[in-house]
Amino acid sequence: MELALVALLLSVFVQSVAKFVVWTVVPYETRIGRVASYYAGGPRRIAIADGVLLALSVVLVVLLFATDMRYLSFVTGLAVGMTLIQVFFHRFNRPLPRERSPESPASPIELMSYAIQAQPGLAWREAALITALSVWAVYMLVTRGLFG
């Protein structure tokens, strides 16, 4: 059980670090093109991806409960994660210029996605903290989880 949890968590945090690298390396035009293609498929594509992520979250929690879970660590991580994502989204409080806005009508989440891609630097503190914690998580999962 623990090895399965480590493997799944490792994939989550490697993806998190990769997302930060994409933000810093891939040009805006390429990133926004990818975002536009996701939304062009309609809300069903996003709903399916969200369903898979929610199911993965449930699997992670079940595996965690099946191992030697420390409730204070879990609850602290939950609180920090919820706070980080809230503060991250709140950083994007500036109107988007027309040339960087999605075509109307746009859903609120589509508008938010465009805002994040247009100015990811607005949330640099939150992104840096998430990335630093993700790098630490990968290190710990590899050194203590896989080879510990």
Protein backbone atom coordinates (compact mmCIF):
# COMPACT_ATOMS: atom_id res chain seq x y z
CA MET A 1 0.00 0.00 0.00
CA GLU A 2 2.71 2.46 0.98
CA LEU A 3 4.70 1.91 -2.22
CA ALA A 4 1.57 2.53 -4.32
CA LEU A 5 0.96 5.75 -2.38
CA VAL A 6 4.58 6.84 -2.87
CA ALA A 7 4.43 6.12 -6.60
CA LEU A 8 1.18 8.04 -7.09
CA LEU A 9 2.38 10.98 -5.00
CA LEU A 10 5.66 11.04 -6.91
CA SER A 11 3.77 11.37 -10.19
CA VAL A 12 1.63 14.19 -8.75
CA PHE A 13 4.61 16.20 -7.54
CA VAL A 14 6.74 15.62 -10.65
CA GLN A 15 3.78 17.00 -12.63
CA SER A 16 3.64 19.98 -10.27
CA VAL A 17 7.31 20.80 -10.87
CA ALA A 18 6.85 20.29 -14.62
CA LYS A 19 3.95 22.77 -14.61
CA PHE A 20 6.20 25.43 -13.05
CA VAL A 21 8.90 24.74 -15.66
CA VAL A 22 6.31 25.05 -18.45
CA TRP A 23 5.21 28.42 -17.07
CA THR A 24 8.74 29.72 -17.03
CA VAL A 25 10.04 28.21 -20.28
CA VAL A 26 7.15 27.82 -22.74
CA PRO A 27 6.13 31.05 -24.48
CA TYR A 28 2.71 32.57 -23.77
CA GLU A 29 1.42 31.90 -27.31
CA THR A 30 2.10 28.17 -26.97
CA ARG A 31 0.64 27.93 -23.46
CA ILE A 32 -2.52 29.86 -24.33
CA GLY A 33 -2.94 27.78 -27.50
CA ARG A 34 -3.03 24.66 -25.35
CA VAL A 35 -5.51 26.23 -22.94
CA ALA A 36 -7.73 27.34 -25.84
CA SER A 37 -7.72 23.81 -27.27
CA TYR A 38 -8.87 22.38 -23.93
CA TYR A 39 -11.84 24.74 -23.79
CA ALA A 40 -12.62 24.35 -27.51
CA GLY A 41 -13.60 20.76 -26.74
CA GLY A 42 -16.42 22.03 -24.54
CA PRO A 43 -16.96 21.67 -20.83
CA ARG A 44 -17.20 17.87 -20.99
CA ARG A 45 -13.44 17.47 -21.55
CA ILE A 46 -12.62 19.54 -18.45
CA ALA A 47 -15.34 17.75 -16.44
CA ILE A 48 -13.83 14.37 -17.33
CA ALA A 49 -10.33 15.53 -16.33
CA ASP A 50 -11.70 16.95 -13.07
CA GLY A 51 -13.50 13.67 -12.37
CA VAL A 52 -10.27 11.73 -12.86
CA LEU A 53 -8.40 14.12 -10.55
CA LEU A 54 -11.11 13.85 -7.90
CA ALA A 55 -10.99 10.04 -8.11
CA LEU A 56 -7.19 10.16 -7.81
CA SER A 57 -7.57 12.33 -4.70
CA VAL A 58 -9.92 9.79 -3.15
CA VAL A 59 -7.48 6.97 -3.96
CA LEU A 60 -4.61 8.94 -2.39
CA VAL A 61 -6.59 9.56 0.79
CA VAL A 62 -7.71 5.91 1.03
CA LEU A 63 -4.10 4.75 0.57
CA LEU A 64 -2.94 7.28 3.15
CA PHE A 65 -5.50 6.07 5.68
CA ALA A 66 -4.40 2.49 4.98
CA THR A 67 -0.79 3.37 5.88
CA ASP A 68 0.75 4.96 8.95
CA MET A 69 -1.03 8.30 8.54
CA ARG A 70 -0.23 11.09 10.98
CA TYR A 71 -3.41 13.09 11.33
CA LEU A 72 -1.67 16.38 12.21
CA SER A 73 0.51 16.18 9.11
CA PHE A 74 -2.50 15.43 6.94
CA VAL A 75 -4.64 18.19 8.42
CA THR A 76 -1.78 20.72 8.20
CA GLY A 77 -1.15 19.80 4.56
CA LEU A 78 -4.85 20.11 3.81
CA ALA A 79 -5.03 23.55 5.44
CA VAL A 80 -1.88 24.80 3.68
CA GLY A 81 -3.04 23.42 0.32
CA MET A 82 -6.48 25.00 0.58
CA THR A 83 -4.98 28.34 1.63
CA LEU A 84 -2.33 28.31 -1.11
CA ILE A 85 -4.84 27.66 -3.87
CA GLN A 86 -7.18 30.37 -2.57
CA VAL A 87 -4.42 32.97 -2.34
CA PHE A 88 -3.07 31.85 -5.74
CA PHE A 89 -6.42 32.52 -7.42
CA HIS A 90 -6.85 35.84 -5.61
CA ARG A 91 -3.60 37.15 -7.17
CA PHE A 92 -5.33 37.30 -10.56
CA ASN A 93 -7.47 40.32 -9.79
CA ARG A 94 -6.49 42.51 -12.75
CA PRO A 95 -8.69 42.85 -15.83
CA LEU A 96 -7.40 41.08 -18.91
CA PRO A 97 -6.71 43.10 -22.04
CA ARG A 98 -9.02 42.18 -24.92
CA GLU A 99 -6.19 40.59 -26.89
CA ARG A 100 -5.53 38.16 -24.04
CA SER A 101 -9.16 37.38 -23.19
CA PRO A 102 -11.07 34.32 -24.39
CA GLU A 103 -13.86 34.77 -26.90
CA SER A 104 -17.29 35.47 -25.42
CA PRO A 105 -19.14 33.80 -23.95
CA ALA A 106 -16.48 32.39 -21.64
CA SER A 107 -17.07 30.45 -18.47
CA PRO A 108 -15.59 31.87 -15.26
CA ILE A 109 -12.97 29.10 -15.13
CA GLU A 110 -12.00 29.71 -18.75
CA LEU A 111 -11.52 33.40 -17.99
CA MET A 112 -9.44 32.46 -14.94
CA SER A 113 -7.29 30.09 -17.01
CA TYR A 114 -6.62 32.84 -19.52
CA ALA A 115 -5.76 35.27 -16.71
CA ILE A 116 -3.28 32.82 -15.21
CA GLN A 117 -1.61 32.20 -18.56
CA ALA A 118 -1.50 35.93 -19.39
CA GLN A 119 0.23 36.93 -16.17
CA PRO A 120 1.52 33.91 -14.21
CA GLY A 121 3.99 36.20 -12.44
CA LEU A 122 1.17 37.73 -10.39
CA ALA A 123 1.20 34.58 -8.25
CA TRP A 124 4.98 34.13 -8.19
CA ARG A 125 5.09 33.77 -4.40
CA GLU A 126 2.47 31.04 -4.33
CA ALA A 127 3.93 29.30 -7.41
CA ALA A 128 7.42 29.43 -5.89
CA LEU A 129 6.19 27.98 -2.59
CA ILE A 130 4.18 25.25 -4.33
CA THR A 131 7.20 24.42 -6.52
CA ALA A 132 9.64 24.40 -3.58
CA LEU A 133 7.33 22.13 -1.60
CA SER A 134 6.89 19.91 -4.66
CA VAL A 135 10.66 19.61 -5.17
CA TRP A 136 11.05 18.73 -1.48
CA ALA A 137 8.22 16.19 -1.82
CA VAL A 138 9.88 14.53 -4.82
CA TYR A 139 13.17 14.37 -2.91
CA MET A 140 11.52 12.84 0.16
CA LEU A 141 9.44 10.38 -1.87
CA VAL A 142 12.51 9.17 -3.75
CA THR A 143 14.99 9.09 -0.85
CA ARG A 144 12.68 7.86 1.91
CA GLY A 145 9.74 6.36 0.04
CA LEU A 146 11.40 4.45 -2.79
CA PHE A 147 14.88 3.92 -1.39
CA GLY A 148 14.42 4.53 2.34
